[in-house]
Protein backbone atom coordinates (compact mmCIF):
# COMPACT_ATOMS: atom_id res chain seq x y z
CA MET A 1 1.29 -57.75 13.37
CA VAL A 2 4.30 -55.91 11.94
CA ASP A 3 7.20 -58.26 11.11
CA ASP A 4 10.75 -57.73 12.35
CA LYS A 5 11.98 -56.46 8.97
CA GLU A 6 9.42 -53.64 8.88
CA LYS A 7 10.23 -52.69 12.46
CA ASN A 8 13.90 -52.46 11.59
CA MET A 9 13.14 -50.24 8.59
CA LYS A 10 11.07 -47.85 10.74
CA CYS A 11 13.82 -47.61 13.32
CA LEU A 12 16.35 -46.98 10.57
CA THR A 13 14.14 -44.22 9.10
CA PHE A 14 13.87 -42.50 12.48
CA PHE A 15 17.62 -42.77 13.05
CA LEU A 16 18.45 -41.27 9.65
CA MET A 17 16.33 -38.18 10.36
CA LEU A 18 18.25 -37.39 13.53
CA PRO A 19 20.93 -34.64 13.54
CA GLU A 20 24.47 -35.94 13.18
CA THR A 21 25.34 -34.69 16.66
CA VAL A 22 22.73 -36.96 18.24
CA LYS A 23 23.90 -39.94 16.15
CA ASN A 24 27.50 -39.44 17.18
CA ARG A 25 26.56 -39.06 20.79
CA SER A 26 24.41 -42.15 20.58
CA LYS A 27 27.34 -44.17 19.13
CA LYS A 28 29.73 -42.88 21.78
CA SER A 29 27.18 -43.63 24.47
CA SER A 30 26.85 -47.27 23.34
CA LYS A 31 30.65 -47.70 23.43
CA LYS A 32 30.97 -46.24 26.91
CA THR A 33 27.94 -47.87 28.55
CA ASN A 34 29.96 -49.94 31.00
CA THR A 35 32.33 -47.07 31.83
CA SER A 36 29.52 -44.58 32.44
CA SER A 37 27.53 -46.93 34.60
CA SER A 38 30.54 -47.84 36.71
CA SER A 39 31.87 -44.30 37.13
CA GLY A 40 28.49 -42.69 37.83
CA GLY A 41 28.85 -40.25 34.85
CA SER A 42 25.89 -38.19 33.64
CA LYS A 43 23.55 -39.84 31.16
CA LEU A 44 22.86 -38.42 27.73
CA PRO A 45 19.32 -37.20 27.06
CA PRO A 46 17.00 -39.38 24.94
CA VAL A 47 17.70 -39.23 21.19
CA CYS A 48 14.36 -37.51 20.55
CA TYR A 49 15.38 -34.60 22.79
CA GLU A 50 17.01 -32.50 20.08
CA ILE A 51 14.10 -32.98 17.71
CA ILE A 52 11.52 -31.44 20.05
CA THR A 53 13.82 -28.84 21.63
CA LEU A 54 14.67 -25.67 19.70
CA LYS A 55 17.97 -24.03 20.64
CA THR A 56 18.40 -20.50 19.40
CA LYS A 57 21.87 -19.77 20.71
CA LYS A 58 23.78 -21.98 18.29
CA LYS A 59 23.21 -22.76 14.64
CA LYS A 60 21.54 -26.10 13.96
CA LYS A 61 22.50 -28.38 11.09
CA MET A 62 20.08 -28.43 8.20
CA ALA A 63 18.92 -31.59 6.44
CA ALA A 64 21.59 -30.96 3.79
CA ASP A 65 24.14 -31.70 6.51
CA ILE A 66 22.40 -34.92 7.40
CA PHE A 67 22.46 -36.10 3.78
CA PRO A 68 25.87 -34.86 2.50
CA ARG A 69 26.47 -34.50 -1.21
CA LYS A 70 29.82 -36.37 -1.09
CA LYS A 71 29.93 -39.98 0.11
CA PRO A 72 32.42 -40.63 2.92
CA ALA A 73 34.78 -43.51 2.17
CA ASN A 74 33.77 -46.91 3.57
CA SER A 75 30.67 -45.47 5.19
CA SER A 76 28.14 -48.18 5.89
CA SER A 77 25.54 -45.63 7.06
CA THR A 78 25.72 -43.84 3.70
CA THR A 79 25.21 -47.15 1.89
CA VAL A 80 22.17 -47.92 4.03
CA GLN A 81 20.91 -44.37 3.46
CA GLN A 82 21.15 -44.72 -0.32
CA TYR A 83 19.45 -48.11 -0.17
CA HIS A 84 16.71 -46.57 1.97
CA GLN A 85 16.17 -43.79 -0.59
CA GLN A 86 16.11 -46.33 -3.42
CA ASN A 87 13.68 -48.60 -1.64
CA LEU A 88 11.19 -45.87 -0.78
CA SER A 89 11.51 -44.10 -4.14
CA ASN A 90 10.69 -47.07 -6.37
CA ASN A 91 14.39 -48.00 -6.61
CA ASN A 92 15.33 -44.70 -8.30
CA LEU A 93 18.49 -43.26 -6.77
CA ILE A 94 18.22 -39.54 -5.94
CA PRO A 95 21.73 -38.28 -5.25
CA ALA A 96 20.83 -34.63 -4.52
CA PRO A 97 20.65 -33.69 -0.81
CA ASN A 98 17.34 -31.83 -1.26
CA TRP A 99 15.54 -34.80 -2.78
CA GLN A 100 12.48 -34.07 -0.60
CA GLY A 101 11.81 -30.93 -2.62
CA LEU A 102 11.02 -33.02 -5.70
CA TYR A 103 7.84 -34.38 -4.11
CA PRO A 104 4.70 -32.19 -3.85
CA THR A 105 3.14 -33.89 -0.80
CA ILE A 106 4.52 -34.44 2.65
CA ARG A 107 3.48 -38.11 2.63
CA GLU A 108 5.87 -38.76 -0.26
CA ARG A 109 8.79 -37.55 1.90
CA TYR A 110 8.43 -40.27 4.56
CA ILE A 111 6.65 -38.03 6.86
CA TYR A 112 3.60 -39.43 8.42
CA CYS A 113 0.81 -36.92 7.69
CA ASP A 114 -0.19 -34.69 4.77
CA GLU A 115 -2.70 -32.58 6.71
CA ILE A 116 -1.38 -29.18 7.79
CA ASP A 117 -2.98 -27.75 10.92
CA LEU A 118 -1.07 -24.65 11.99
CA ALA A 119 -1.56 -22.56 15.11
CA ALA A 120 -0.04 -19.28 16.24
CA ASP A 121 1.85 -20.83 19.16
CA THR A 122 3.42 -23.65 17.11
CA VAL A 123 3.91 -22.21 13.63
CA LEU A 124 7.48 -20.99 14.24
CA ALA A 125 8.54 -24.39 15.59
CA THR A 126 6.88 -26.05 12.59
CA LEU A 127 8.71 -23.70 10.22
CA TYR A 128 11.97 -24.57 11.94
CA ALA A 129 11.34 -28.28 11.41
CA ALA A 130 10.25 -27.75 7.79
CA LYS A 131 13.44 -25.83 7.07
CA LYS A 132 15.64 -28.31 8.90
CA TYR A 133 14.32 -31.31 7.01
CA ILE A 134 13.77 -29.50 3.69
CA VAL A 135 10.00 -29.75 3.35
CA PRO A 136 9.42 -26.64 1.19
CA HIS A 137 5.65 -27.00 0.82
CA LEU A 138 5.19 -27.12 4.59
CA ALA A 139 7.59 -24.19 5.01
CA ARG A 140 5.59 -22.18 2.46
CA ALA A 141 2.36 -22.96 4.32
CA CYS A 142 3.97 -21.71 7.56
CA VAL A 143 5.16 -18.49 5.90
CA ASN A 144 1.70 -17.89 4.39
CA PHE A 145 0.16 -18.37 7.83
CA LEU A 146 2.59 -15.85 9.34
CA GLU A 147 1.95 -13.30 6.57
CA THR A 148 -1.79 -13.59 7.10
CA SER A 149 -1.51 -13.08 10.86
CA LEU A 150 1.08 -10.29 10.54
CA SER A 151 0.25 -7.13 12.50
CA ALA A 152 1.97 -4.33 14.36
CA LYS A 153 1.86 -6.45 17.55
CA ASN A 154 4.03 -9.26 16.19
CA ALA A 155 5.88 -7.63 13.27
CA CYS A 156 9.14 -7.03 15.17
CA VAL A 157 9.35 -10.59 16.48
CA LEU A 158 8.53 -12.05 13.07
CA LEU A 159 11.15 -9.77 11.52
CA SER A 160 13.89 -11.38 13.62
CA GLN A 161 12.54 -14.87 12.89
CA SER A 162 12.21 -14.25 9.15
CA CYS A 163 15.87 -13.24 9.01
CA LEU A 164 16.83 -16.37 10.96
CA PHE A 165 14.84 -18.59 8.59
CA GLU A 166 16.04 -16.70 5.49
CA GLU A 167 12.55 -15.80 4.25
CA PRO A 168 13.01 -12.52 2.32
CA ASP A 169 9.34 -12.18 1.35
CA LEU A 170 8.24 -12.40 4.98
CA THR A 171 11.02 -10.00 5.97
CA GLN A 172 9.77 -7.46 3.43
CA ARG A 173 6.18 -7.80 4.69
CA CYS A 174 7.38 -7.25 8.26
CA TRP A 175 9.21 -4.07 7.25
CA GLU A 176 6.08 -2.79 5.48
CA VAL A 177 4.09 -3.13 8.70
CA ILE A 178 6.85 -1.74 10.93
CA ASP A 179 7.40 1.29 8.68
CA ALA A 180 3.72 2.19 8.30
CA GLN A 181 2.63 1.39 11.87
CA ALA A 182 5.94 2.15 13.53
CA GLU A 183 4.58 3.65 16.74
CA LEU A 184 2.25 0.69 17.34
CA ALA A 185 5.04 -1.78 16.57
CA LEU A 186 7.54 -0.02 18.86
CA LYS A 187 5.02 0.11 21.72
CA SER A 188 4.13 -3.58 21.41
CA GLU A 189 5.30 -6.17 23.94
CA GLY A 190 6.90 -8.13 21.12
CA PHE A 191 9.39 -5.35 20.47
CA CYS A 192 11.07 -6.07 23.81
CA ASP A 193 11.59 -9.72 22.79
CA ILE A 194 13.80 -9.03 19.78
CA ASP A 195 17.56 -9.66 19.72
CA PHE A 196 20.16 -6.91 19.68
CA GLN A 197 20.87 -7.23 15.94
CA THR A 198 17.19 -6.74 15.10
CA LEU A 199 17.05 -3.78 17.48
CA GLU A 200 19.92 -2.13 15.62
CA SER A 201 18.30 -2.72 12.23
CA ILE A 202 15.05 -1.10 13.40
CA LEU A 203 16.80 1.89 14.97
CA ARG A 204 18.74 2.41 11.73
CA ARG A 205 15.57 2.33 9.62
CA GLU A 206 15.24 5.50 7.54
CA THR A 207 11.54 5.00 6.75
CA LEU A 208 10.18 4.54 10.27
CA ASN A 209 6.91 6.45 10.46
CA ALA A 210 7.29 7.49 14.11
CA LYS A 211 8.20 10.39 16.34
CA GLU A 212 11.75 10.08 17.62
CA ILE A 213 10.62 10.31 21.25
CA VAL A 214 8.61 7.11 20.66
CA VAL A 215 11.74 5.43 19.28
CA PHE A 216 13.71 6.56 22.33
CA GLU A 217 11.11 5.29 24.81
CA ALA A 218 10.86 1.95 22.98
CA ALA A 219 14.64 1.49 23.17
CA LEU A 220 14.56 2.11 26.94
CA ASN A 221 11.75 -0.44 27.34
CA TRP A 222 13.82 -2.99 25.41
CA ALA A 223 16.87 -2.20 27.57
CA GLU A 224 14.88 -2.84 30.75
CA VAL A 225 13.78 -6.29 29.56
CA GLU A 226 17.29 -7.05 28.30
CA CYS A 227 18.67 -6.29 31.77
CA GLN A 228 16.28 -8.90 33.17
CA ARG A 229 17.37 -11.42 30.53
CA GLN A 230 21.00 -10.86 31.52
CA ASP A 231 20.22 -10.90 35.26
CA LEU A 232 21.41 -7.32 35.65
CA ALA A 233 20.04 -4.80 38.13
CA LEU A 234 17.53 -2.37 36.63
CA SER A 235 19.76 0.68 36.84
CA ILE A 236 20.32 3.53 34.41
CA GLU A 237 23.93 2.43 33.99
CA ASN A 238 22.94 -1.11 33.01
CA LYS A 239 20.28 0.11 30.59
CA ARG A 240 22.89 2.19 28.85
CA LYS A 241 25.30 -0.75 28.96
CA VAL A 242 22.95 -3.19 27.21
CA LEU A 243 22.01 -0.58 24.60
CA GLY A 244 25.67 -0.01 23.83
CA LYS A 245 26.33 1.62 20.48
CA ALA A 246 22.64 1.27 19.52
CA LEU A 247 21.93 4.31 21.73
CA TYR A 248 23.56 6.56 19.14
CA LEU A 249 21.25 5.25 16.40
CA ILE A 250 18.39 7.10 18.10
CA ARG A 251 18.11 10.49 16.41
CA ILE A 252 17.69 12.48 19.61
CA PRO A 253 18.65 15.87 18.07
CA THR A 254 15.70 15.56 15.68
CA MET A 255 13.14 15.43 18.51
CA ALA A 256 10.90 18.40 19.16
CA LEU A 257 12.59 20.54 21.81
CA ASP A 258 9.75 19.90 24.26
CA ASP A 259 10.08 16.13 23.79
CA PHE A 260 13.79 16.30 24.45
CA ALA A 261 13.58 18.61 27.44
CA ASN A 262 10.74 16.74 29.15
CA GLY A 263 11.74 13.23 28.08
CA ALA A 264 15.21 12.26 26.91
CA ALA A 265 17.06 14.98 28.85
CA GLN A 266 15.50 13.82 32.13
CA SER A 267 15.76 10.08 31.50
CA GLY A 268 19.20 9.81 33.06
CA VAL A 269 20.46 7.65 30.18
CA LEU A 270 22.36 10.54 28.61
CA THR A 271 25.51 11.89 30.21
CA LEU A 272 25.62 15.52 31.35
CA ASN A 273 27.96 16.38 28.48
CA GLU A 274 25.63 14.77 25.94
CA THR A 275 22.61 16.57 27.37
CA ASN A 276 24.42 19.90 27.35
CA ASP A 277 25.70 19.45 23.78
CA ILE A 278 22.25 18.56 22.47
CA PHE A 279 20.72 21.65 24.12
CA LEU A 280 23.44 23.72 22.45
CA TRP A 281 22.75 21.97 19.15
CA TYR A 282 19.13 23.15 19.40
CA THR A 283 19.91 26.76 20.28
CA ALA A 284 23.46 27.77 19.44
CA ALA A 285 24.56 29.28 16.15
CA LYS A 286 27.75 27.25 16.27
CA LYS A 287 26.52 23.71 16.83
CA PRO A 288 28.73 21.15 18.62
CA GLU A 289 29.60 17.81 17.09
CA LEU A 290 27.37 14.97 18.26
CA GLN A 291 27.68 11.20 18.26
CA PHE A 292 23.96 10.97 17.62
CA VAL A 293 22.52 11.06 14.12
CA SER A 294 21.19 14.60 13.67
CA LYS A 295 19.33 14.14 10.38
CA ALA A 296 15.62 13.40 10.66
CA ARG A 297 14.26 10.15 9.25
CA LYS A 298 12.56 10.39 5.90
CA GLY A 299 9.57 8.38 7.03
CA LEU A 300 6.98 7.30 4.48
CA VAL A 301 5.45 9.50 1.81
CA PRO A 302 1.64 9.18 1.93
CA GLN A 303 -0.21 8.43 -1.29
CA ARG A 304 -3.56 9.97 -2.16
CA CYS A 305 -6.35 8.26 -4.04
CA HIS A 306 -8.65 10.96 -5.48
CA ARG A 307 -11.98 9.51 -6.59
CA PHE A 308 -13.62 12.54 -8.22
CA GLN A 309 -12.80 14.15 -11.56
CA SER A 310 -14.18 17.56 -10.59
CA CYS A 311 -15.78 19.45 -7.72
CA ALA A 312 -18.40 22.20 -7.44
CA TYR A 313 -20.52 24.20 -5.00
CA ARG A 314 -24.07 25.51 -5.02
CA SER A 315 -25.97 27.95 -2.86
CA ASN A 316 -27.98 25.15 -1.23
CA GLN A 317 -25.33 22.43 -0.92
CA TRP A 318 -23.28 20.89 0.83
CA ARG A 319 -24.46 21.29 4.44
CA TYR A 320 -23.47 19.41 7.58
CA ARG A 321 -25.91 18.98 10.43
CA GLY A 322 -24.62 15.87 12.20
CA ARG A 323 -25.37 13.56 9.28
CA CYS A 324 -22.91 10.92 8.04
CA ASP A 325 -21.05 10.92 4.72
CA SER A 326 -19.81 7.45 3.89
CA ILE A 327 -18.33 5.38 1.04
CA GLN A 328 -17.14 1.77 0.70
CA PHE A 329 -13.84 0.80 -0.91
CA ALA A 330 -11.60 -2.22 -1.55
CA VAL A 331 -7.95 -2.53 -2.61
CA ASP A 332 -6.02 -5.25 -4.42
CA LYS A 333 -2.90 -5.00 -2.19
CA ARG A 334 -2.31 -4.55 1.52
CA VAL A 335 -2.20 -0.84 2.39
CA PHE A 336 -2.38 1.29 5.53
CA ILE A 337 -5.05 3.99 5.63
CA ALA A 338 -3.62 7.06 7.37
CA GLY A 339 -6.58 9.41 6.94
CA PHE A 340 -9.03 11.08 4.56
CA GLY A 341 -8.85 14.19 2.42
CA LEU A 342 -11.99 16.32 2.92
CA TYR A 343 -13.50 19.33 1.21
CA GLY A 344 -13.82 22.65 3.03
CA SER A 345 -15.95 25.75 2.93
CA SER A 346 -17.06 27.25 -0.39
CA CYS A 347 -17.89 30.59 1.29
CA GLY A 348 -14.51 31.71 2.58
CA SER A 349 -12.36 30.36 5.37
CA ALA A 350 -14.01 28.24 8.04
CA GLU A 351 -13.23 25.65 10.71
CA TYR A 352 -14.75 22.18 10.79
CA SER A 353 -14.95 19.48 13.44
CA ALA A 354 -14.56 16.03 11.87
CA LYS A 355 -15.19 12.59 13.33
CA ILE A 356 -13.64 10.08 10.95
CA GLU A 357 -14.14 6.33 11.14
CA LEU A 358 -13.00 3.20 9.34
CA LYS A 359 -15.00 -0.03 9.64
CA ARG A 360 -14.96 -3.57 8.27
CA GLN A 361 -18.20 -5.53 8.40
CA GLY A 362 -19.51 -3.21 11.09
CA VAL A 363 -16.40 -3.47 13.30
CA VAL A 364 -14.61 -0.17 13.97
CA LEU A 365 -10.91 -0.45 13.10
CA GLY A 366 -9.95 3.18 13.56
CA GLN A 367 -11.50 6.50 14.46
CA ASN A 368 -10.48 10.00 15.44
CA LEU A 369 -12.04 13.34 16.31
CA SER A 370 -10.17 16.43 15.18
CA LYS A 371 -10.56 19.89 13.69
CA TYR A 372 -9.28 21.32 10.43
CA PHE A 373 -9.26 24.78 8.93
CA SER A 374 -10.25 25.37 5.32
CA ASP A 375 -9.20 28.48 3.42
CA GLY A 376 -12.17 28.80 1.05
CA SER A 377 -10.45 27.02 -1.86
CA SER A 378 -11.53 23.81 -3.57
CA ASN A 379 -8.49 21.99 -2.22
CA THR A 380 -8.81 18.93 -0.02
CA PHE A 381 -7.70 19.08 3.62
CA PRO A 382 -6.21 16.03 5.39
CA VAL A 383 -7.67 14.58 8.56
CA TRP A 384 -5.59 11.81 10.14
CA PHE A 385 -6.17 8.73 12.24
CA GLU A 386 -4.07 8.43 15.38
CA TYR A 387 -2.37 5.39 13.85
CA PRO A 388 -2.54 4.09 10.26
CA VAL A 389 -5.01 1.23 9.87
CA GLN A 390 -3.95 -1.97 8.08
CA ILE A 391 -6.24 -2.84 5.14
CA GLU A 392 -6.26 -6.31 3.61
CA PRO A 393 -6.85 -6.84 -0.13
CA ASP A 394 -10.11 -7.90 -1.77
CA THR A 395 -12.33 -6.89 1.16
CA PHE A 396 -14.67 -3.90 1.31
CA TYR A 397 -14.18 -1.35 4.09
CA THR A 398 -16.39 1.59 5.04
CA ALA A 399 -14.96 5.11 5.31
CA SER A 400 -17.19 7.57 7.17
CA VAL A 401 -17.08 11.15 8.39
CA VAL A 402 -19.46 13.27 10.41
CA LEU A 403 -18.71 16.97 9.94
CA ASP A 404 -19.89 19.89 12.04
CA GLY A 405 -19.67 23.35 10.45
CA ASN A 406 -22.02 26.18 9.59
CA GLU A 407 -20.65 27.01 6.17
CA LEU A 408 -21.55 25.37 2.87
CA SER A 409 -18.73 23.34 1.34
CA TYR A 410 -17.47 22.01 -1.96
CA PHE A 411 -18.51 18.52 -3.06
CA GLY A 412 -17.15 16.07 -5.60
CA GLN A 413 -18.63 15.24 -9.01
CA GLU A 414 -18.00 12.65 -11.75
CA GLY A 415 -16.97 9.95 -9.30
CA MET A 416 -15.11 6.85 -10.49
CA THR A 417 -15.83 3.27 -9.45
CA GLU A 418 -12.18 2.25 -9.92
CA VAL A 419 -9.00 4.31 -9.48
CA GLN A 420 -5.39 3.28 -10.11
CA CYS A 421 -2.98 4.76 -7.54
CA GLY A 422 0.56 3.69 -8.35
CA LYS A 423 0.60 -0.09 -7.92
CA VAL A 424 -2.67 -0.13 -5.97
CA THR A 425 -6.12 -0.42 -7.54
CA VAL A 426 -9.01 0.95 -5.46
CA GLN A 427 -12.67 0.14 -6.09
CA PHE A 428 -15.56 2.19 -4.71
CA GLN A 429 -19.20 1.43 -4.03
CA CYS A 430 -22.05 3.14 -2.18
CA SER A 431 -22.48 2.66 1.56
CA SER A 432 -25.75 2.19 3.40
CA ASP A 433 -24.26 4.20 6.28
CA SER A 434 -24.30 7.38 4.18
CA THR A 435 -27.15 9.68 5.26
CA ASN A 436 -25.92 13.01 3.85
CA GLY A 437 -25.91 12.25 0.13
CA THR A 438 -22.36 10.97 -0.43
CA GLY A 439 -22.04 8.13 -2.92
CA VAL A 440 -19.83 6.90 -5.75
CA GLN A 441 -20.86 9.67 -8.16
CA GLY A 442 -20.56 12.63 -5.82
CA GLY A 443 -20.27 14.00 -2.28
CA GLN A 444 -17.63 14.15 0.44
CA ILE A 445 -14.53 12.04 1.28
CA PRO A 446 -12.84 12.81 -2.04
CA GLU A 447 -9.51 11.23 -0.99
CA LEU A 448 -8.12 8.22 0.78
CA ILE A 449 -4.66 8.89 2.23
CA PHE A 450 -2.58 5.73 2.62
CA TYR A 451 0.84 4.12 2.80
CA ALA A 452 1.73 1.22 0.50
């Protein structure tokens, strides 16, 4: 049986962890009990309400506000608070407001459990609580969880949350994913859930790796959902209204003419004058002034990891008759594989059909079927995936290609098991999927093309 003194201490602990607004309201409520009951006034919600409810429209007080650095004069609650800290910290007074950060385990901060069990649907709420009550180790665990689960589907939402929670490392990781897999990120459902400020920051982004027509269509999708959030009719006028000045961050003049004529020009979002001026900007010698940014985005510069030190050709090699050339590789940092560099014909110009594939433990992560034309030189020729594929560090992936072409081709020699490409280290090993002779020492797939 717990004695009365211990019960009082537990109640006091719970009360001290409440936001100041709830405390004040609780005090006022106790003073006005008789008045409220007699006048039929509305009752205040339970004191636990603000702990379990997250409000995003106004800034919440952090734990530093609950435990102020300066002591208010004649404050009995502050005296009790200091006594409480002394009692539970072996009678050592800790005057700093972030005293919880001095303890490595959650149990030492008066919190009831030291086991962290995070889930995708609760991790943001947990991070909010960890930030509010200054539990840095729990906050770090939440951020690590989010970084691990980061993908193009949730990168835009996590970008807005990382800025709210002031987590620069997570923000940077989000931008890496959004830049490299921009078209996937912009087409995701999560993109429509971001706030206006995040929308502007994405539309301003110089390194977005996306066609401008995709950016335009994503902005219209966001505007449609925003109209629903604001209870506005789904009209062209309201879509333009909610986009506001962000509309002019879309670099419409940099679209391919076909994309503009068949897409943006017929969307109805642009005024007739804007549509006419942009057409003139495409075709006229004297170009009109536009409100839209007319300089194309820089995008990302792809890096190339070349794994051979030389290449050669012989009269009886290298032939392609539907067999697979394959190699395994691993990286030490997260990268995004955009495609492969392949050798071409050693007997003059020729066209090849290439089916490229990227797998992890037998699961296909990306594939594409395309053609490329080789000019008879020993150069490599890029073949791209539809979208860059995210590659995690310290895990082996399998790169494969099945080529169809009548001509003999060049092949690599003096292959390396480890290659340093800028800040990324790539390791290679033979693949059991290879049935056409490619391995670490020689063969096809001389280059990995990636963003980092």
